[in-house]
């Protein structure tokens, strides 16, 4: 084989290698969006089954979702476990309590109907993985007894200032983690005047409430008059990280 033949073979092999490389699928890019309630452009409320509401059976359901490049939710899987506090011989005891399957199904269905604006990374649309928290609340909560307070739902995305809670050493020592939901009432000036943790690990609740009291919001008006707002702030604690909201 002469030199020119070797050159032709080399060129052919080179183009073949380039062709194989071009056919390799691009690696899928997924970013972590954390708690997504405040980032949705449409967040339908889940249907609270009437028989459970009447029986006072509520709870908190966190749904892990995957959002595609267009902002559509393509998968939703709920974590039905919640924290229940009861009195024991040695004091207050935290236990896992399973939320009724009907609430889990309602939360997952609502999450599938949520919509988000597309997320871009370096100008390229990407998928987003995160969570949506739904509170099926029964009984009296902060702001529920005040008809003048506007119900604001999840307020994370509406805050002007939302301090990150400290991670309590005792909670870190036992690797306590998960979402803590704090019901808050915001006055006409945008200041939090009441805060009450309604779910989450007991070792994390105080830190979440302390952070919630420091949150600040823009004043809200209704019919031209300043009003109070009642809603929820969601704090997500992840074991192993210094501070996480």
C-alpha atoms as a PDB file:
ATOM      1  CA  UNK A   1       0.000   0.000   0.000  1.00  0.00           C
ATOM      2  CA  UNK A   2       1.485   3.343  -0.986  1.00  0.00           C
ATOM      3  CA  UNK A   3       1.559   6.532   1.117  1.00  0.00           C
ATOM      4  CA  UNK A   4      -1.465   8.049  -0.571  1.00  0.00           C
ATOM      5  CA  UNK A   5      -3.517   4.966   0.284  1.00  0.00           C
ATOM      6  CA  UNK A   6      -2.522   5.249   3.986  1.00  0.00           C
ATOM      7  CA  UNK A   7      -3.574   8.898   3.919  1.00  0.00           C
ATOM      8  CA  UNK A   8      -6.972   8.029   2.464  1.00  0.00           C
ATOM      9  CA  UNK A   9      -7.524   5.327   5.079  1.00  0.00           C
ATOM     10  CA  UNK A  10      -6.545   7.758   7.860  1.00  0.00           C
ATOM     11  CA  UNK A  11      -8.939  10.413   6.569  1.00  0.00           C
ATOM     12  CA  UNK A  12     -11.764   7.880   6.338  1.00  0.00           C
ATOM     13  CA  UNK A  13     -11.187   6.599   9.891  1.00  0.00           C
ATOM     14  CA  UNK A  14     -11.046  10.194  11.173  1.00  0.00           C
ATOM     15  CA  UNK A  15     -14.378  11.130   9.584  1.00  0.00           C
ATOM     16  CA  UNK A  16     -15.917   7.897  10.864  1.00  0.00           C
ATOM     17  CA  UNK A  17     -14.814   8.716  14.406  1.00  0.00           C
ATOM     18  CA  UNK A  18     -16.273  12.203  14.097  1.00  0.00           C
ATOM     19  CA  UNK A  19     -19.518  10.721  12.833  1.00  0.00           C
ATOM     20  CA  UNK A  20     -19.744   8.382  15.817  1.00  0.00           C
ATOM     21  CA  UNK A  21     -19.048  11.232  18.192  1.00  0.00           C
ATOM     22  CA  UNK A  22     -21.746  13.368  16.609  1.00  0.00           C
ATOM     23  CA  UNK A  23     -24.276  10.570  17.070  1.00  0.00           C
ATOM     24  CA  UNK A  24     -23.717  10.350  20.848  1.00  0.00           C
ATOM     25  CA  UNK A  25     -26.771  11.778  22.680  1.00  0.00           C
ATOM     26  CA  UNK A  26     -26.212  14.982  24.608  1.00  0.00           C
ATOM     27  CA  UNK A  27     -26.175  14.532  28.392  1.00  0.00           C
ATOM     28  CA  UNK A  28     -29.497  15.524  29.937  1.00  0.00           C
ATOM     29  CA  UNK A  29     -29.227  18.607  32.132  1.00  0.00           C
ATOM     30  CA  UNK A  30     -31.361  18.794  35.255  1.00  0.00           C
ATOM     31  CA  UNK A  31     -31.056  21.570  37.827  1.00  0.00           C
ATOM     32  CA  UNK A  32     -32.214  21.501  41.443  1.00  0.00           C
ATOM     33  CA  UNK A  33     -34.960  24.029  42.073  1.00  0.00           C
ATOM     34  CA  UNK A  34     -35.611  23.364  45.783  1.00  0.00           C
ATOM     35  CA  UNK A  35     -39.072  24.333  47.048  1.00  0.00           C
ATOM     36  CA  UNK A  36     -41.028  25.411  43.973  1.00  0.00           C
ATOM     37  CA  UNK A  37     -44.309  26.727  45.395  1.00  0.00           C
ATOM     38  CA  UNK A  38     -43.369  30.382  44.994  1.00  0.00           C
ATOM     39  CA  UNK A  39     -41.935  29.893  41.508  1.00  0.00           C
ATOM     40  CA  UNK A  40     -45.043  28.539  39.782  1.00  0.00           C
ATOM     41  CA  UNK A  41     -46.997  30.604  37.292  1.00  0.00           C
ATOM     42  CA  UNK A  42     -50.010  28.350  37.944  1.00  0.00           C
ATOM     43  CA  UNK A  43     -50.378  26.311  41.137  1.00  0.00           C
ATOM     44  CA  UNK A  44     -53.854  24.770  41.466  1.00  0.00           C
ATOM     45  CA  UNK A  45     -54.985  23.910  44.978  1.00  0.00           C
ATOM     46  CA  UNK A  46     -55.513  20.209  45.641  1.00  0.00           C
ATOM     47  CA  UNK A  47     -59.024  19.038  46.382  1.00  0.00           C
ATOM     48  CA  UNK A  48     -59.490  18.338  50.085  1.00  0.00           C
ATOM     49  CA  UNK A  49     -61.794  15.271  50.304  1.00  0.00           C
ATOM     50  CA  UNK A  50     -64.862  16.392  52.230  1.00  0.00           C
ATOM     51  CA  UNK A  51     -65.049  13.273  54.407  1.00  0.00           C
ATOM     52  CA  UNK A  52     -61.473  13.815  55.619  1.00  0.00           C
ATOM     53  CA  UNK A  53     -62.058  17.504  56.278  1.00  0.00           C
ATOM     54  CA  UNK A  54     -65.130  16.688  58.348  1.00  0.00           C
ATOM     55  CA  UNK A  55     -63.162  14.096  60.320  1.00  0.00           C
ATOM     56  CA  UNK A  56     -60.352  16.585  60.939  1.00  0.00           C
ATOM     57  CA  UNK A  57     -57.841  14.426  59.065  1.00  0.00           C
ATOM     58  CA  UNK A  58     -55.383  16.761  57.395  1.00  0.00           C
ATOM     59  CA  UNK A  59     -51.639  16.839  57.029  1.00  0.00           C
ATOM     60  CA  UNK A  60     -48.765  18.024  54.910  1.00  0.00           C
ATOM     61  CA  UNK A  61     -47.790  16.331  51.664  1.00  0.00           C
ATOM     62  CA  UNK A  62     -44.546  17.136  49.870  1.00  0.00           C
ATOM     63  CA  UNK A  63     -44.494  16.143  46.208  1.00  0.00           C
ATOM     64  CA  UNK A  64     -41.215  15.639  44.350  1.00  0.00           C
ATOM     65  CA  UNK A  65     -41.650  16.821  40.773  1.00  0.00           C
ATOM     66  CA  UNK A  66     -39.727  16.899  37.517  1.00  0.00           C
ATOM     67  CA  UNK A  67     -40.403  19.843  35.208  1.00  0.00           C
ATOM     68  CA  UNK A  68     -39.515  19.648  31.531  1.00  0.00           C
ATOM     69  CA  UNK A  69     -37.926  22.311  29.359  1.00  0.00           C
ATOM     70  CA  UNK A  70     -41.305  23.923  28.600  1.00  0.00           C
ATOM     71  CA  UNK A  71     -42.348  24.304  32.248  1.00  0.00           C
ATOM     72  CA  UNK A  72     -44.728  21.316  32.311  1.00  0.00           C
ATOM     73  CA  UNK A  73     -44.659  18.873  35.239  1.00  0.00           C
ATOM     74  CA  UNK A  74     -43.883  15.456  33.763  1.00  0.00           C
ATOM     75  CA  UNK A  75     -43.690  13.430  36.974  1.00  0.00           C
ATOM     76  CA  UNK A  76     -44.980  13.866  40.522  1.00  0.00           C
ATOM     77  CA  UNK A  77     -44.328  11.501  43.421  1.00  0.00           C
ATOM     78  CA  UNK A  78     -45.443  12.328  46.951  1.00  0.00           C
ATOM     79  CA  UNK A  79     -43.711  11.600  50.220  1.00  0.00           C
ATOM     80  CA  UNK A  80     -46.697  10.826  52.456  1.00  0.00           C
ATOM     81  CA  UNK A  81     -44.788  10.705  55.743  1.00  0.00           C
ATOM     82  CA  UNK A  82     -45.409  13.541  58.197  1.00  0.00           C
ATOM     83  CA  UNK A  83     -44.225  14.274  61.727  1.00  0.00           C
ATOM     84  CA  UNK A  84     -46.660  13.812  64.597  1.00  0.00           C
ATOM     85  CA  UNK A  85     -45.925  15.015  68.129  1.00  0.00           C
ATOM     86  CA  UNK A  86     -47.306  13.142  71.127  1.00  0.00           C
ATOM     87  CA  UNK A  87     -46.714  13.212  74.853  1.00  0.00           C
ATOM     88  CA  UNK A  88     -44.697  10.336  76.227  1.00  0.00           C
ATOM     89  CA  UNK A  89     -43.362   9.252  79.612  1.00  0.00           C
ATOM     90  CA  UNK A  90     -40.080  11.034  78.904  1.00  0.00           C
ATOM     91  CA  UNK A  91     -41.582  14.138  77.350  1.00  0.00           C
ATOM     92  CA  UNK A  92     -42.641  15.037  73.813  1.00  0.00           C
ATOM     93  CA  UNK A  93     -41.978  12.325  71.238  1.00  0.00           C
ATOM     94  CA  UNK A  94     -41.758  12.797  67.468  1.00  0.00           C
ATOM     95  CA  UNK A  95     -43.224  10.020  65.343  1.00  0.00           C
ATOM     96  CA  UNK A  96     -43.763   9.408  61.663  1.00  0.00           C
ATOM     97  CA  UNK A  97     -47.410   9.488  60.706  1.00  0.00           C
ATOM     98  CA  UNK A  98     -48.695   8.423  57.320  1.00  0.00           C
ATOM     99  CA  UNK A  99     -51.039  10.892  55.661  1.00  0.00           C
ATOM    100  CA  UNK A 100     -54.269   9.475  54.257  1.00  0.00           C
ATOM    101  CA  UNK A 101     -53.731   8.076  50.718  1.00  0.00           C
ATOM    102  CA  UNK A 102     -56.578  10.256  49.431  1.00  0.00           C
ATOM    103  CA  UNK A 103     -54.583  13.363  50.376  1.00  0.00           C
ATOM    104  CA  UNK A 104     -51.481  11.961  48.713  1.00  0.00           C
ATOM    105  CA  UNK A 105     -53.407  11.331  45.505  1.00  0.00           C
ATOM    106  CA  UNK A 106     -54.954  14.815  45.597  1.00  0.00           C
ATOM    107  CA  UNK A 107     -51.524  16.415  46.085  1.00  0.00           C
ATOM    108  CA  UNK A 108     -49.956  14.477  43.238  1.00  0.00           C
ATOM    109  CA  UNK A 109     -52.800  15.357  40.878  1.00  0.00           C
ATOM    110  CA  UNK A 110     -52.549  19.039  41.775  1.00  0.00           C
ATOM    111  CA  UNK A 111     -48.774  18.965  41.234  1.00  0.00           C
ATOM    112  CA  UNK A 112     -49.183  17.473  37.762  1.00  0.00           C
ATOM    113  CA  UNK A 113     -51.386  20.442  36.850  1.00  0.00           C
ATOM    114  CA  UNK A 114     -48.882  23.050  38.051  1.00  0.00           C
ATOM    115  CA  UNK A 115     -47.115  25.176  35.443  1.00  0.00           C
ATOM    116  CA  UNK A 116     -43.774  26.975  35.492  1.00  0.00           C
ATOM    117  CA  UNK A 117     -41.850  29.343  33.268  1.00  0.00           C
ATOM    118  CA  UNK A 118     -39.070  27.559  31.313  1.00  0.00           C
ATOM    119  CA  UNK A 119     -35.676  27.510  33.037  1.00  0.00           C
ATOM    120  CA  UNK A 120     -32.534  28.293  31.054  1.00  0.00           C
ATOM    121  CA  UNK A 121     -28.917  27.476  31.805  1.00  0.00           C
ATOM    122  CA  UNK A 122     -26.350  29.219  29.591  1.00  0.00           C
ATOM    123  CA  UNK A 123     -29.175  30.038  27.197  1.00  0.00           C
ATOM    124  CA  UNK A 124     -30.299  26.412  26.901  1.00  0.00           C
ATOM    125  CA  UNK A 125     -33.659  25.222  28.339  1.00  0.00           C
ATOM    126  CA  UNK A 126     -33.213  22.576  31.038  1.00  0.00           C
ATOM    127  CA  UNK A 127     -35.302  20.320  33.223  1.00  0.00           C
ATOM    128  CA  UNK A 128     -35.852  21.212  36.873  1.00  0.00           C
ATOM    129  CA  UNK A 129     -36.208  18.875  39.825  1.00  0.00           C
ATOM    130  CA  UNK A 130     -37.759  20.138  43.057  1.00  0.00           C
ATOM    131  CA  UNK A 131     -40.668  19.828  45.446  1.00  0.00           C
ATOM    132  CA  UNK A 132     -44.127  21.306  45.986  1.00  0.00           C
ATOM    133  CA  UNK A 133     -45.625  21.313  49.473  1.00  0.00           C
ATOM    134  CA  UNK A 134     -49.371  21.141  50.072  1.00  0.00           C
ATOM    135  CA  UNK A 135     -50.992  21.763  53.455  1.00  0.00           C
ATOM    136  CA  UNK A 136     -54.332  20.111  54.137  1.00  0.00           C
ATOM    137  CA  UNK A 137     -55.196  22.048  57.278  1.00  0.00           C
ATOM    138  CA  UNK A 138     -58.021  21.476  59.704  1.00  0.00           C
ATOM    139  CA  UNK A 139     -58.809  23.384  62.871  1.00  0.00           C
ATOM    140  CA  UNK A 140     -57.721  26.882  63.782  1.00  0.00           C
ATOM    141  CA  UNK A 141     -54.419  28.245  62.494  1.00  0.00           C
ATOM    142  CA  UNK A 142     -52.689  31.607  62.509  1.00  0.00           C
ATOM    143  CA  UNK A 143     -54.843  34.107  60.609  1.00  0.00           C
ATOM    144  CA  UNK A 144     -57.810  31.783  60.130  1.00  0.00           C
ATOM    145  CA  UNK A 145     -59.812  33.592  62.809  1.00  0.00           C
ATOM    146  CA  UNK A 146     -59.275  36.988  61.182  1.00  0.00           C
ATOM    147  CA  UNK A 147     -61.686  37.570  58.275  1.00  0.00           C
ATOM    148  CA  UNK A 148     -59.820  40.750  57.321  1.00  0.00           C
ATOM    149  CA  UNK A 149     -56.620  38.852  56.570  1.00  0.00           C
ATOM    150  CA  UNK A 150     -56.165  37.927  52.914  1.00  0.00           C
ATOM    151  CA  UNK A 151     -55.256  34.267  52.408  1.00  0.00           C
ATOM    152  CA  UNK A 152     -51.955  34.310  50.535  1.00  0.00           C
ATOM    153  CA  UNK A 153     -51.098  30.604  50.259  1.00  0.00           C
ATOM    154  CA  UNK A 154     -47.373  29.802  50.175  1.00  0.00           C
ATOM    155  CA  UNK A 155     -45.542  33.103  50.597  1.00  0.00           C
ATOM    156  CA  UNK A 156     -41.881  32.197  49.950  1.00  0.00           C
ATOM    157  CA  UNK A 157     -41.817  33.709  46.478  1.00  0.00           C
ATOM    158  CA  UNK A 158     -43.564  36.899  47.619  1.00  0.00           C
ATOM    159  CA  UNK A 159     -41.086  37.931  50.327  1.00  0.00           C
ATOM    160  CA  UNK A 160     -38.818  40.952  49.962  1.00  0.00           C
ATOM    161  CA  UNK A 161     -36.522  39.451  52.581  1.00  0.00           C
ATOM    162  CA  UNK A 162     -36.555  35.801  53.624  1.00  0.00           C
ATOM    163  CA  UNK A 163     -33.743  34.990  56.091  1.00  0.00           C
ATOM    164  CA  UNK A 164     -32.373  31.461  56.038  1.00  0.00           C
ATOM    165  CA  UNK A 165     -32.936  29.661  59.357  1.00  0.00           C
ATOM    166  CA  UNK A 166     -29.958  28.422  61.327  1.00  0.00           C
ATOM    167  CA  UNK A 167     -29.534  24.654  61.576  1.00  0.00           C
ATOM    168  CA  UNK A 168     -29.880  23.764  65.288  1.00  0.00           C
ATOM    169  CA  UNK A 169     -26.894  21.717  66.537  1.00  0.00           C
ATOM    170  CA  UNK A 170     -29.216  19.202  68.209  1.00  0.00           C
ATOM    171  CA  UNK A 171     -31.041  18.669  64.913  1.00  0.00           C
ATOM    172  CA  UNK A 172     -27.783  18.340  62.996  1.00  0.00           C
ATOM    173  CA  UNK A 173     -26.484  15.796  65.517  1.00  0.00           C
ATOM    174  CA  UNK A 174     -29.383  13.432  64.787  1.00  0.00           C
ATOM    175  CA  UNK A 175     -29.515  14.391  61.088  1.00  0.00           C
ATOM    176  CA  UNK A 176     -33.036  15.760  61.413  1.00  0.00           C
ATOM    177  CA  UNK A 177     -34.191  17.135  58.071  1.00  0.00           C
ATOM    178  CA  UNK A 178     -37.206  17.868  55.908  1.00  0.00           C
ATOM    179  CA  UNK A 179     -39.720  20.635  55.312  1.00  0.00           C
ATOM    180  CA  UNK A 180     -41.078  22.815  58.101  1.00  0.00           C
ATOM    181  CA  UNK A 181     -44.245  24.767  57.367  1.00  0.00           C
ATOM    182  CA  UNK A 182     -44.811  27.965  59.328  1.00  0.00           C
ATOM    183  CA  UNK A 183     -48.179  29.721  59.280  1.00  0.00           C
ATOM    184  CA  UNK A 184     -47.657  33.481  59.430  1.00  0.00           C
ATOM    185  CA  UNK A 185     -49.738  36.621  59.619  1.00  0.00           C
ATOM    186  CA  UNK A 186     -48.296  39.695  57.908  1.00  0.00           C
ATOM    187  CA  UNK A 187     -49.492  43.154  58.911  1.00  0.00           C
ATOM    188  CA  UNK A 188     -50.304  46.106  56.669  1.00  0.00           C
ATOM    189  CA  UNK A 189     -46.657  47.235  56.697  1.00  0.00           C
ATOM    190  CA  UNK A 190     -45.363  43.863  55.466  1.00  0.00           C
ATOM    191  CA  UNK A 191     -44.051  42.701  58.864  1.00  0.00           C
ATOM    192  CA  UNK A 192     -44.679  39.237  60.298  1.00  0.00           C
ATOM    193  CA  UNK A 193     -46.670  39.662  63.511  1.00  0.00           C
ATOM    194  CA  UNK A 194     -47.561  35.997  64.159  1.00  0.00           C
ATOM    195  CA  UNK A 195     -45.769  32.756  63.301  1.00  0.00           C
ATOM    196  CA  UNK A 196     -46.708  29.181  64.155  1.00  0.00           C
ATOM    197  CA  UNK A 197     -45.025  25.965  62.950  1.00  0.00           C
ATOM    198  CA  UNK A 198     -47.719  23.539  61.850  1.00  0.00           C
ATOM    199  CA  UNK A 199     -45.615  20.658  60.545  1.00  0.00           C
ATOM    200  CA  UNK A 200     -42.051  19.405  60.389  1.00  0.00           C
ATOM    201  CA  UNK A 201     -39.488  17.819  62.700  1.00  0.00           C
ATOM    202  CA  UNK A 202     -39.798  19.205  66.260  1.00  0.00           C
ATOM    203  CA  UNK A 203     -36.079  19.959  66.479  1.00  0.00           C
ATOM    204  CA  UNK A 204     -36.333  22.215  63.414  1.00  0.00           C
ATOM    205  CA  UNK A 205     -39.523  24.108  64.159  1.00  0.00           C
ATOM    206  CA  UNK A 206     -38.145  26.781  66.488  1.00  0.00           C
ATOM    207  CA  UNK A 207     -35.431  27.778  64.013  1.00  0.00           C
ATOM    208  CA  UNK A 208     -37.991  28.025  61.218  1.00  0.00           C
ATOM    209  CA  UNK A 209     -40.318  30.170  63.326  1.00  0.00           C
ATOM    210  CA  UNK A 210     -37.448  32.486  64.306  1.00  0.00           C
ATOM    211  CA  UNK A 211     -36.514  32.962  60.644  1.00  0.00           C
ATOM    212  CA  UNK A 212     -40.160  33.464  59.652  1.00  0.00           C
ATOM    213  CA  UNK A 213     -40.568  36.295  62.156  1.00  0.00           C
ATOM    214  CA  UNK A 214     -37.730  38.149  60.401  1.00  0.00           C
ATOM    215  CA  UNK A 215     -39.272  37.872  56.918  1.00  0.00           C
ATOM    216  CA  UNK A 216     -40.476  41.045  55.233  1.00  0.00           C
ATOM    217  CA  UNK A 217     -43.068  41.615  52.524  1.00  0.00           C
ATOM    218  CA  UNK A 218     -44.376  44.452  50.389  1.00  0.00           C
ATOM    219  CA  UNK A 219     -47.581  45.975  51.825  1.00  0.00           C
ATOM    220  CA  UNK A 220     -50.711  44.438  50.325  1.00  0.00           C
ATOM    221  CA  UNK A 221     -53.829  46.416  49.432  1.00  0.00           C
ATOM    222  CA  UNK A 222     -57.383  45.339  48.700  1.00  0.00           C
ATOM    223  CA  UNK A 223     -59.826  47.818  47.204  1.00  0.00           C
ATOM    224  CA  UNK A 224     -57.232  50.508  47.820  1.00  0.00           C
ATOM    225  CA  UNK A 225     -56.942  49.721  51.527  1.00  0.00           C
ATOM    226  CA  UNK A 226     -53.896  48.101  53.219  1.00  0.00           C
ATOM    227  CA  UNK A 227     -54.694  44.602  54.531  1.00  0.00           C
ATOM    228  CA  UNK A 228     -53.083  41.808  56.470  1.00  0.00           C
ATOM    229  CA  UNK A 229     -52.064  38.520  54.866  1.00  0.00           C
ATOM    230  CA  UNK A 230     -52.191  34.986  56.268  1.00  0.00           C
ATOM    231  CA  UNK A 231     -50.108  32.320  54.569  1.00  0.00           C
ATOM    232  CA  UNK A 232     -47.366  29.720  54.834  1.00  0.00           C
ATOM    233  CA  UNK A 233     -43.586  29.916  54.700  1.00  0.00           C
ATOM    234  CA  UNK A 234     -41.861  26.641  53.810  1.00  0.00           C
ATOM    235  CA  UNK A 235     -38.328  25.945  55.032  1.00  0.00           C
ATOM    236  CA  UNK A 236     -36.439  22.900  53.780  1.00  0.00           C
ATOM    237  CA  UNK A 237     -33.655  21.599  56.031  1.00  0.00           C
ATOM    238  CA  UNK A 238     -31.132  19.201  54.491  1.00  0.00           C
ATOM    239  CA  UNK A 239     -28.858  17.231  56.820  1.00  0.00           C
ATOM    240  CA  UNK A 240     -25.166  17.649  56.114  1.00  0.00           C
ATOM    241  CA  UNK A 241     -25.414  21.199  54.802  1.00  0.00           C
ATOM    242  CA  UNK A 242     -24.497  24.269  56.839  1.00  0.00           C
ATOM    243  CA  UNK A 243     -27.725  26.188  56.345  1.00  0.00           C
ATOM    244  CA  UNK A 244     -30.546  25.440  53.965  1.00  0.00           C
ATOM    245  CA  UNK A 245     -33.886  27.081  53.355  1.00  0.00           C
END
